[in-house]
Amino acid sequence: MNATYFFLANQYHLSRPFNVEADSQTRKLRIVLAEHVLSSHKARLARVLHSLPKDSIVEIDGSWTHLIDSDVFEMIETFKETAKERNIQVKLIGIAAPHLITFLNLRRVA
């Protein structure tokens, strides 16, 4: 029973790749990434990012994140560049190349 509980709890946690906190007055959105952000979460995150209105501010917080799949990392970097066209300010917190390196190292081990 305990093993089943932990398995299901872990699956639930993995199904929620991020939490969104919004402040409509300042047009600021804060996205707090989960511990693992996988390729299967990419579309959901992309929908949130691309739905942002012009002149928004978005913080993507990866402070708690240990693993970001490389395609998700690339999507975030691409969004950061294209957001300038819509005057969206993007601030990344705790997201840097080490997440990508960690992912690549884990893939070599597997």
N, C-alpha and C. Protein backbone atom coordinates (compact mmCIF):
# COMPACT_ATOMS: atom_id res chain seq x y z
N MET A 1 0.82 -1.19 0.00
CA MET A 1 0.00 0.00 0.00
C MET A 1 0.86 1.26 0.00
N ASN A 2 1.89 1.31 0.86
CA ASN A 2 2.74 2.50 0.91
C ASN A 2 3.45 2.74 -0.41
N ALA A 3 3.93 1.69 -1.04
CA ALA A 3 4.62 1.83 -2.33
C ALA A 3 3.67 2.39 -3.38
N THR A 4 2.42 1.92 -3.36
CA THR A 4 1.43 2.43 -4.32
C THR A 4 1.17 3.90 -4.08
N TYR A 5 1.03 4.30 -2.82
CA TYR A 5 0.79 5.71 -2.49
C TYR A 5 1.93 6.58 -3.02
N PHE A 6 3.16 6.22 -2.76
CA PHE A 6 4.29 7.03 -3.18
C PHE A 6 4.41 7.08 -4.70
N PHE A 7 4.10 5.96 -5.37
CA PHE A 7 4.11 5.95 -6.82
C PHE A 7 3.08 6.93 -7.37
N LEU A 8 1.85 6.86 -6.86
CA LEU A 8 0.79 7.76 -7.34
C LEU A 8 1.08 9.21 -6.99
N ALA A 9 1.60 9.46 -5.81
CA ALA A 9 1.95 10.82 -5.42
C ALA A 9 3.02 11.38 -6.33
N ASN A 10 4.00 10.56 -6.67
CA ASN A 10 5.07 10.99 -7.56
C ASN A 10 4.51 11.27 -8.96
N GLN A 11 3.62 10.43 -9.45
CA GLN A 11 3.02 10.64 -10.76
C GLN A 11 2.20 11.93 -10.79
N TYR A 12 1.48 12.21 -9.72
CA TYR A 12 0.70 13.45 -9.64
C TYR A 12 1.64 14.64 -9.68
N HIS A 13 2.70 14.56 -8.92
CA HIS A 13 3.68 15.66 -8.88
C HIS A 13 4.28 15.89 -10.27
N LEU A 14 4.61 14.82 -10.97
CA LEU A 14 5.20 14.95 -12.30
C LEU A 14 4.21 15.50 -13.32
N SER A 15 2.91 15.30 -13.06
CA SER A 15 1.91 15.81 -14.01
C SER A 15 1.70 17.31 -13.87
N ARG A 16 2.22 17.90 -12.82
CA ARG A 16 2.11 19.34 -12.61
C ARG A 16 3.49 19.96 -12.76
N PRO A 17 3.87 20.33 -13.98
CA PRO A 17 5.22 20.80 -14.23
C PRO A 17 5.50 22.20 -13.74
N PHE A 18 4.44 22.94 -13.42
CA PHE A 18 4.64 24.30 -12.94
C PHE A 18 3.37 24.83 -12.30
N ASN A 19 3.53 25.86 -11.48
CA ASN A 19 2.41 26.61 -10.91
C ASN A 19 2.48 28.01 -11.47
N VAL A 20 1.32 28.61 -11.68
CA VAL A 20 1.26 29.95 -12.22
C VAL A 20 0.64 30.88 -11.19
N GLU A 21 1.32 31.98 -10.94
CA GLU A 21 0.82 33.02 -10.04
C GLU A 21 0.68 34.28 -10.88
N ALA A 22 -0.52 34.86 -10.92
CA ALA A 22 -0.76 36.02 -11.77
C ALA A 22 -1.20 37.21 -10.94
N ASP A 23 -0.76 38.40 -11.35
CA ASP A 23 -1.20 39.66 -10.78
C ASP A 23 -1.75 40.49 -11.92
N SER A 24 -3.06 40.57 -12.03
CA SER A 24 -3.69 41.23 -13.17
C SER A 24 -3.45 42.74 -13.17
N GLN A 25 -3.25 43.34 -12.01
CA GLN A 25 -3.02 44.79 -11.96
C GLN A 25 -1.68 45.18 -12.57
N THR A 26 -0.65 44.39 -12.30
CA THR A 26 0.68 44.72 -12.83
C THR A 26 0.99 43.97 -14.11
N ARG A 27 0.06 43.10 -14.54
CA ARG A 27 0.26 42.26 -15.74
C ARG A 27 1.51 41.40 -15.59
N LYS A 28 1.74 40.96 -14.36
CA LYS A 28 2.92 40.14 -14.07
C LYS A 28 2.47 38.70 -13.82
N LEU A 29 3.20 37.79 -14.43
CA LEU A 29 2.94 36.37 -14.28
C LEU A 29 4.21 35.72 -13.75
N ARG A 30 4.06 34.89 -12.75
CA ARG A 30 5.19 34.16 -12.19
C ARG A 30 4.93 32.69 -12.38
N ILE A 31 5.85 32.03 -13.06
CA ILE A 31 5.74 30.59 -13.31
C ILE A 31 6.82 29.91 -12.49
N VAL A 32 6.38 29.09 -11.54
CA VAL A 32 7.32 28.36 -10.69
C VAL A 32 7.38 26.92 -11.21
N LEU A 33 8.53 26.56 -11.73
CA LEU A 33 8.71 25.23 -12.30
C LEU A 33 8.85 24.17 -11.21
N ALA A 34 8.39 22.98 -11.53
CA ALA A 34 8.50 21.84 -10.61
C ALA A 34 9.94 21.31 -10.60
N GLU A 35 10.16 20.28 -9.83
CA GLU A 35 11.49 19.68 -9.70
C GLU A 35 11.97 19.10 -11.03
N HIS A 36 11.04 18.49 -11.80
CA HIS A 36 11.37 17.93 -13.10
C HIS A 36 10.40 18.51 -14.13
N VAL A 37 10.94 19.07 -15.20
CA VAL A 37 10.12 19.58 -16.29
C VAL A 37 10.52 18.78 -17.53
N LEU A 38 9.60 17.93 -17.97
CA LEU A 38 9.89 16.97 -19.02
C LEU A 38 9.35 17.42 -20.37
N SER A 39 9.76 16.72 -21.41
CA SER A 39 9.29 17.02 -22.77
C SER A 39 7.78 16.98 -22.85
N SER A 40 7.16 16.11 -22.10
CA SER A 40 5.70 15.99 -22.13
C SER A 40 5.01 17.23 -21.56
N HIS A 41 5.75 18.09 -20.87
CA HIS A 41 5.19 19.32 -20.30
C HIS A 41 5.37 20.52 -21.21
N LYS A 42 6.12 20.35 -22.27
CA LYS A 42 6.50 21.46 -23.14
C LYS A 42 5.28 22.18 -23.72
N ALA A 43 4.32 21.44 -24.24
CA ALA A 43 3.15 22.06 -24.88
C ALA A 43 2.35 22.89 -23.89
N ARG A 44 2.18 22.39 -22.69
CA ARG A 44 1.41 23.12 -21.67
C ARG A 44 2.11 24.43 -21.32
N LEU A 45 3.42 24.39 -21.13
CA LEU A 45 4.17 25.59 -20.81
C LEU A 45 4.15 26.57 -21.98
N ALA A 46 4.29 26.05 -23.19
CA ALA A 46 4.26 26.90 -24.39
C ALA A 46 2.92 27.63 -24.51
N ARG A 47 1.81 26.93 -24.23
CA ARG A 47 0.49 27.56 -24.29
C ARG A 47 0.40 28.74 -23.33
N VAL A 48 0.90 28.56 -22.12
CA VAL A 48 0.85 29.63 -21.13
C VAL A 48 1.69 30.82 -21.60
N LEU A 49 2.90 30.54 -22.06
CA LEU A 49 3.78 31.63 -22.48
C LEU A 49 3.24 32.37 -23.70
N HIS A 50 2.72 31.66 -24.66
CA HIS A 50 2.24 32.31 -25.88
C HIS A 50 0.90 33.00 -25.70
N SER A 51 0.21 32.72 -24.60
CA SER A 51 -1.07 33.39 -24.33
C SER A 51 -0.89 34.73 -23.61
N LEU A 52 0.34 35.04 -23.25
CA LEU A 52 0.59 36.30 -22.54
C LEU A 52 0.26 37.50 -23.43
N PRO A 53 -0.43 38.49 -22.88
CA PRO A 53 -0.71 39.69 -23.68
C PRO A 53 0.54 40.56 -23.83
N LYS A 54 0.49 41.47 -24.81
CA LYS A 54 1.59 42.41 -25.01
C LYS A 54 1.84 43.19 -23.71
N ASP A 55 3.07 43.64 -23.57
CA ASP A 55 3.47 44.48 -22.43
C ASP A 55 3.36 43.78 -21.08
N SER A 56 3.47 42.47 -21.08
CA SER A 56 3.44 41.70 -19.83
C SER A 56 4.84 41.55 -19.26
N ILE A 57 4.86 41.09 -18.04
CA ILE A 57 6.11 40.74 -17.37
C ILE A 57 5.95 39.30 -16.91
N VAL A 58 6.92 38.46 -17.23
CA VAL A 58 6.85 37.06 -16.80
C VAL A 58 8.16 36.67 -16.13
N GLU A 59 8.02 36.04 -14.97
CA GLU A 59 9.17 35.46 -14.27
C GLU A 59 9.03 33.96 -14.36
N ILE A 60 10.08 33.30 -14.81
CA ILE A 60 10.10 31.84 -14.84
C ILE A 60 11.11 31.40 -13.80
N ASP A 61 10.60 30.84 -12.73
CA ASP A 61 11.44 30.49 -11.57
C ASP A 61 11.76 29.00 -11.57
N GLY A 62 13.02 28.70 -11.79
CA GLY A 62 13.49 27.32 -11.77
C GLY A 62 14.35 27.03 -10.56
N SER A 63 14.17 27.79 -9.50
CA SER A 63 15.00 27.63 -8.29
C SER A 63 14.90 26.23 -7.70
N TRP A 64 13.73 25.60 -7.81
CA TRP A 64 13.53 24.27 -7.23
C TRP A 64 13.75 23.17 -8.26
N THR A 65 14.06 23.55 -9.48
CA THR A 65 14.12 22.59 -10.57
C THR A 65 15.50 21.92 -10.63
N HIS A 66 15.47 20.60 -10.72
CA HIS A 66 16.70 19.82 -10.85
C HIS A 66 16.92 19.35 -12.28
N LEU A 67 15.84 19.22 -13.03
CA LEU A 67 15.95 18.66 -14.37
C LEU A 67 14.97 19.35 -15.32
N ILE A 68 15.50 19.90 -16.39
CA ILE A 68 14.68 20.45 -17.47
C ILE A 68 15.14 19.74 -18.74
N ASP A 69 14.20 19.08 -19.42
CA ASP A 69 14.57 18.44 -20.69
C ASP A 69 15.09 19.49 -21.66
N SER A 70 16.00 19.08 -22.50
CA SER A 70 16.67 20.02 -23.40
C SER A 70 15.71 20.75 -24.32
N ASP A 71 14.66 20.09 -24.82
CA ASP A 71 13.74 20.78 -25.72
C ASP A 71 12.90 21.82 -24.99
N VAL A 72 12.61 21.59 -23.72
CA VAL A 72 11.89 22.59 -22.92
C VAL A 72 12.81 23.79 -22.67
N PHE A 73 14.06 23.50 -22.35
CA PHE A 73 15.05 24.56 -22.12
C PHE A 73 15.18 25.42 -23.38
N GLU A 74 15.27 24.78 -24.54
CA GLU A 74 15.39 25.52 -25.80
C GLU A 74 14.14 26.34 -26.08
N MET A 75 12.96 25.80 -25.77
CA MET A 75 11.71 26.52 -25.97
C MET A 75 11.66 27.78 -25.11
N ILE A 76 12.11 27.68 -23.88
CA ILE A 76 12.15 28.85 -22.99
C ILE A 76 13.11 29.89 -23.54
N GLU A 77 14.27 29.47 -23.99
CA GLU A 77 15.25 30.41 -24.56
C GLU A 77 14.70 31.07 -25.83
N THR A 78 14.01 30.32 -26.66
CA THR A 78 13.41 30.88 -27.88
C THR A 78 12.32 31.87 -27.52
N PHE A 79 11.49 31.52 -26.53
CA PHE A 79 10.44 32.44 -26.11
C PHE A 79 11.04 33.74 -25.59
N LYS A 80 12.11 33.63 -24.86
CA LYS A 80 12.77 34.82 -24.32
C LYS A 80 13.15 35.79 -25.44
N GLU A 81 13.60 35.26 -26.56
CA GLU A 81 13.97 36.11 -27.71
C GLU A 81 12.75 36.66 -28.44
N THR A 82 11.76 35.82 -28.69
CA THR A 82 10.58 36.27 -29.44
C THR A 82 9.67 37.17 -28.62
N ALA A 83 9.76 37.09 -27.31
CA ALA A 83 8.91 37.93 -26.44
C ALA A 83 9.22 39.41 -26.62
N LYS A 84 10.42 39.72 -27.03
CA LYS A 84 10.81 41.12 -27.23
C LYS A 84 9.92 41.80 -28.27
N GLU A 85 9.49 41.02 -29.29
CA GLU A 85 8.64 41.57 -30.34
C GLU A 85 7.29 42.03 -29.80
N ARG A 86 6.84 41.42 -28.70
CA ARG A 86 5.55 41.77 -28.09
C ARG A 86 5.73 42.59 -26.83
N ASN A 87 6.94 43.09 -26.62
CA ASN A 87 7.28 43.90 -25.46
C ASN A 87 6.96 43.16 -24.15
N ILE A 88 7.27 41.89 -24.13
CA ILE A 88 7.11 41.08 -22.92
C ILE A 88 8.48 40.96 -22.26
N GLN A 89 8.53 41.36 -21.00
CA GLN A 89 9.77 41.25 -20.25
C GLN A 89 9.84 39.85 -19.63
N VAL A 90 10.95 39.16 -19.87
CA VAL A 90 11.12 37.80 -19.36
C VAL A 90 12.31 37.79 -18.41
N LYS A 91 12.05 37.29 -17.22
CA LYS A 91 13.12 37.16 -16.23
C LYS A 91 13.22 35.69 -15.84
N LEU A 92 14.40 35.13 -16.00
CA LEU A 92 14.64 33.74 -15.61
C LEU A 92 15.33 33.73 -14.26
N ILE A 93 14.82 32.91 -13.37
CA ILE A 93 15.40 32.77 -12.04
C ILE A 93 15.82 31.32 -11.86
N GLY A 94 17.08 31.10 -11.61
CA GLY A 94 17.57 29.75 -11.34
C GLY A 94 17.54 28.82 -12.54
N ILE A 95 17.44 29.37 -13.74
CA ILE A 95 17.47 28.56 -14.95
C ILE A 95 18.70 28.95 -15.73
N ALA A 96 19.57 28.00 -15.92
CA ALA A 96 20.80 28.26 -16.65
C ALA A 96 21.26 26.97 -17.30
N ALA A 97 22.33 27.06 -18.01
CA ALA A 97 22.88 25.90 -18.72
C ALA A 97 23.11 24.68 -17.81
N PRO A 98 23.40 24.82 -16.52
CA PRO A 98 23.61 23.61 -15.71
C PRO A 98 22.42 22.65 -15.75
N HIS A 99 21.18 23.15 -15.87
CA HIS A 99 20.03 22.25 -15.97
C HIS A 99 20.16 21.40 -17.22
N LEU A 100 20.59 22.01 -18.30
CA LEU A 100 20.76 21.28 -19.55
C LEU A 100 21.89 20.27 -19.41
N ILE A 101 22.97 20.67 -18.79
CA ILE A 101 24.11 19.77 -18.59
C ILE A 101 23.69 18.59 -17.73
N THR A 102 22.92 18.84 -16.67
CA THR A 102 22.44 17.76 -15.81
C THR A 102 21.63 16.77 -16.63
N PHE A 103 20.75 17.28 -17.48
CA PHE A 103 19.93 16.40 -18.32
C PHE A 103 20.81 15.55 -19.23
N LEU A 104 21.77 16.17 -19.87
CA LEU A 104 22.64 15.43 -20.79
C LEU A 104 23.45 14.38 -20.06
N ASN A 105 23.92 14.69 -18.87
CA ASN A 105 24.67 13.72 -18.09
C ASN A 105 23.79 12.54 -17.68
N LEU A 106 22.53 12.81 -17.30
CA LEU A 106 21.63 11.73 -16.92
C LEU A 106 21.33 10.83 -18.11
N ARG A 107 21.21 11.40 -19.29
CA ARG A 107 20.93 10.59 -20.48
C ARG A 107 22.09 9.68 -20.82
N ARG A 108 23.32 10.14 -20.58
CA ARG A 108 24.50 9.31 -20.85
C ARG A 108 24.52 8.10 -19.91
N VAL A 109 24.09 8.30 -18.67
CA VAL A 109 24.11 7.23 -17.68
C VAL A 109 23.04 6.19 -18.01
N ALA A 110 21.89 6.63 -18.47
CA ALA A 110 20.75 5.72 -18.72
C ALA A 110 20.98 4.76 -19.85
